[in-house]
Amino acid sequence: MLTKLTHPTPDHELWVDLSDVVSIERKNEPPKSSIIRVDESPAGTRLTLTSGKQIICMDTPEVILSSIT
């Protein structure tokens, strides 16, 4: 079943088959006081698919899991 999630970029759509999701991990915003940032990707939720591909969406894990049940 395809589910629409919130893409980090407002003008894009993100559709994911939640049966392909292996893990869900919340990424936190890095500290504002850091001068050097190693990871420039936005804060959000990282989904790992069965193919090994990782996708970031802006929905919380609770919202994603509630759409499964």
N, C-alpha and C. Protein backbone atom coordinates (compact mmCIF):
# COMPACT_ATOMS: atom_id res chain seq x y z
N MET A 1 0.84 -1.17 0.00
CA MET A 1 0.00 0.00 0.00
C MET A 1 0.88 1.24 0.00
N LEU A 2 0.73 2.10 -0.97
CA LEU A 2 1.50 3.34 -1.05
C LEU A 2 0.92 4.37 -0.08
N THR A 3 1.82 5.06 0.60
CA THR A 3 1.44 6.10 1.55
C THR A 3 2.20 7.37 1.21
N LYS A 4 1.49 8.50 1.22
CA LYS A 4 2.13 9.78 0.93
C LYS A 4 2.75 10.33 2.22
N LEU A 5 4.04 10.65 2.16
CA LEU A 5 4.76 11.23 3.28
C LEU A 5 5.22 12.64 2.91
N THR A 6 5.64 13.40 3.90
CA THR A 6 6.06 14.78 3.66
C THR A 6 7.52 14.81 3.24
N HIS A 7 7.77 15.25 2.02
CA HIS A 7 9.13 15.36 1.48
C HIS A 7 9.83 16.56 2.12
N PRO A 8 11.16 16.49 2.36
CA PRO A 8 11.89 17.63 2.93
C PRO A 8 11.80 18.89 2.08
N THR A 9 11.66 18.74 0.78
CA THR A 9 11.52 19.87 -0.12
C THR A 9 10.03 20.07 -0.41
N PRO A 10 9.50 21.28 -0.15
CA PRO A 10 8.05 21.49 -0.26
C PRO A 10 7.44 21.22 -1.63
N ASP A 11 8.20 21.38 -2.71
CA ASP A 11 7.61 21.22 -4.04
C ASP A 11 7.75 19.81 -4.61
N HIS A 12 8.03 18.81 -3.75
CA HIS A 12 8.14 17.43 -4.18
C HIS A 12 7.13 16.57 -3.42
N GLU A 13 6.76 15.45 -4.03
CA GLU A 13 5.90 14.47 -3.38
C GLU A 13 6.71 13.22 -3.09
N LEU A 14 6.39 12.55 -1.99
CA LEU A 14 7.08 11.33 -1.60
C LEU A 14 6.05 10.26 -1.29
N TRP A 15 6.06 9.21 -2.11
CA TRP A 15 5.15 8.07 -1.92
C TRP A 15 6.00 6.84 -1.61
N VAL A 16 5.65 6.13 -0.55
CA VAL A 16 6.43 4.97 -0.12
C VAL A 16 5.49 3.80 0.16
N ASP A 17 5.92 2.62 -0.28
CA ASP A 17 5.19 1.40 0.07
C ASP A 17 5.69 0.99 1.45
N LEU A 18 4.85 1.15 2.47
CA LEU A 18 5.29 0.90 3.85
C LEU A 18 5.60 -0.57 4.13
N SER A 19 5.17 -1.48 3.25
CA SER A 19 5.54 -2.88 3.43
C SER A 19 7.01 -3.11 3.07
N ASP A 20 7.65 -2.16 2.37
CA ASP A 20 9.06 -2.25 2.03
C ASP A 20 9.98 -1.63 3.08
N VAL A 21 9.41 -1.01 4.12
CA VAL A 21 10.21 -0.32 5.13
C VAL A 21 10.75 -1.35 6.12
N VAL A 22 12.09 -1.30 6.31
CA VAL A 22 12.75 -2.21 7.25
C VAL A 22 12.93 -1.54 8.60
N SER A 23 13.34 -0.26 8.60
CA SER A 23 13.53 0.45 9.87
C SER A 23 13.14 1.92 9.72
N ILE A 24 12.77 2.51 10.86
CA ILE A 24 12.41 3.92 10.94
C ILE A 24 13.24 4.53 12.05
N GLU A 25 13.97 5.61 11.73
CA GLU A 25 14.85 6.24 12.71
C GLU A 25 14.67 7.75 12.63
N ARG A 26 14.45 8.39 13.75
CA ARG A 26 14.27 9.85 13.80
C ARG A 26 15.63 10.51 13.87
N LYS A 27 15.86 11.46 12.95
CA LYS A 27 17.09 12.27 12.96
C LYS A 27 16.78 13.58 13.66
N ASN A 28 17.60 13.97 14.61
CA ASN A 28 17.40 15.21 15.33
C ASN A 28 18.16 16.35 14.68
N GLU A 29 17.71 17.55 14.91
CA GLU A 29 18.38 18.74 14.40
C GLU A 29 19.72 18.87 15.12
N PRO A 30 20.83 19.09 14.38
CA PRO A 30 22.12 19.27 15.03
C PRO A 30 22.14 20.55 15.86
N PRO A 31 23.04 20.66 16.83
CA PRO A 31 23.10 21.86 17.67
C PRO A 31 23.33 23.12 16.84
N LYS A 32 22.67 24.20 17.21
CA LYS A 32 22.78 25.46 16.47
C LYS A 32 24.15 26.11 16.66
N SER A 33 24.87 25.75 17.74
CA SER A 33 26.14 26.40 18.02
C SER A 33 27.32 25.77 17.29
N SER A 34 27.08 24.67 16.56
CA SER A 34 28.20 24.02 15.88
C SER A 34 28.66 24.86 14.69
N ILE A 35 29.96 24.95 14.53
CA ILE A 35 30.53 25.73 13.42
C ILE A 35 30.65 24.85 12.19
N ILE A 36 31.10 23.63 12.37
CA ILE A 36 31.28 22.70 11.25
C ILE A 36 30.21 21.63 11.36
N ARG A 37 29.47 21.48 10.29
CA ARG A 37 28.43 20.45 10.24
C ARG A 37 28.84 19.39 9.23
N VAL A 38 28.96 18.17 9.71
CA VAL A 38 29.35 17.08 8.83
C VAL A 38 28.16 16.61 7.99
N ASP A 39 27.02 16.49 8.62
CA ASP A 39 25.82 15.99 7.95
C ASP A 39 24.93 17.18 7.60
N GLU A 40 24.82 17.51 6.33
CA GLU A 40 24.02 18.66 5.90
C GLU A 40 22.59 18.30 5.56
N SER A 41 22.21 17.03 5.72
CA SER A 41 20.84 16.65 5.40
C SER A 41 19.89 17.19 6.46
N PRO A 42 18.65 17.45 6.09
CA PRO A 42 17.71 18.06 7.03
C PRO A 42 17.30 17.09 8.13
N ALA A 43 16.84 17.65 9.24
CA ALA A 43 16.30 16.81 10.31
C ALA A 43 15.01 16.18 9.80
N GLY A 44 14.73 14.99 10.26
CA GLY A 44 13.52 14.31 9.82
C GLY A 44 13.57 12.86 10.24
N THR A 45 12.85 12.03 9.53
CA THR A 45 12.80 10.60 9.82
C THR A 45 13.43 9.84 8.67
N ARG A 46 14.37 8.98 8.99
CA ARG A 46 15.06 8.18 7.98
C ARG A 46 14.38 6.82 7.89
N LEU A 47 13.94 6.47 6.67
CA LEU A 47 13.33 5.17 6.40
C LEU A 47 14.33 4.33 5.62
N THR A 48 14.58 3.12 6.06
CA THR A 48 15.43 2.20 5.32
C THR A 48 14.53 1.16 4.67
N LEU A 49 14.69 1.01 3.35
CA LEU A 49 13.85 0.08 2.58
C LEU A 49 14.54 -1.27 2.44
N THR A 50 13.78 -2.28 2.01
CA THR A 50 14.34 -3.62 1.85
C THR A 50 15.47 -3.65 0.82
N SER A 51 15.47 -2.71 -0.11
CA SER A 51 16.53 -2.65 -1.13
C SER A 51 17.82 -2.04 -0.57
N GLY A 52 17.77 -1.48 0.65
CA GLY A 52 18.92 -0.83 1.24
C GLY A 52 18.92 0.67 1.05
N LYS A 53 18.03 1.16 0.22
CA LYS A 53 17.91 2.60 -0.02
C LYS A 53 17.35 3.29 1.21
N GLN A 54 17.89 4.50 1.51
CA GLN A 54 17.40 5.28 2.64
C GLN A 54 16.72 6.54 2.13
N ILE A 55 15.57 6.85 2.74
CA ILE A 55 14.76 8.00 2.36
C ILE A 55 14.52 8.83 3.61
N ILE A 56 14.56 10.16 3.48
CA ILE A 56 14.25 11.03 4.60
C ILE A 56 12.92 11.71 4.33
N CYS A 57 12.04 11.69 5.33
CA CYS A 57 10.78 12.41 5.26
C CYS A 57 10.65 13.28 6.50
N MET A 58 9.71 14.19 6.50
CA MET A 58 9.55 15.11 7.62
C MET A 58 8.51 14.64 8.63
N ASP A 59 7.82 13.54 8.35
CA ASP A 59 6.83 13.00 9.28
C ASP A 59 7.53 12.31 10.45
N THR A 60 6.88 12.32 11.61
CA THR A 60 7.44 11.63 12.77
C THR A 60 7.17 10.13 12.65
N PRO A 61 7.97 9.31 13.33
CA PRO A 61 7.71 7.86 13.29
C PRO A 61 6.31 7.50 13.78
N GLU A 62 5.78 8.25 14.75
CA GLU A 62 4.44 7.96 15.26
C GLU A 62 3.39 8.13 14.17
N VAL A 63 3.52 9.18 13.35
CA VAL A 63 2.57 9.42 12.26
C VAL A 63 2.67 8.30 11.23
N ILE A 64 3.90 7.90 10.91
CA ILE A 64 4.08 6.84 9.92
C ILE A 64 3.51 5.52 10.41
N LEU A 65 3.78 5.19 11.67
CA LEU A 65 3.27 3.93 12.22
C LEU A 65 1.76 3.94 12.38
N SER A 66 1.17 5.10 12.64
CA SER A 66 -0.28 5.16 12.76
C SER A 66 -0.97 4.94 11.42
N SER A 67 -0.29 5.24 10.33
CA SER A 67 -0.89 5.01 9.01
C SER A 67 -0.83 3.53 8.62
N ILE A 68 0.02 2.76 9.30
CA ILE A 68 0.11 1.32 9.03
C ILE A 68 -1.07 0.60 9.68
N THR A 69 -1.40 0.98 10.90
CA THR A 69 -2.46 0.27 11.63
C THR A 69 -3.81 0.89 11.40
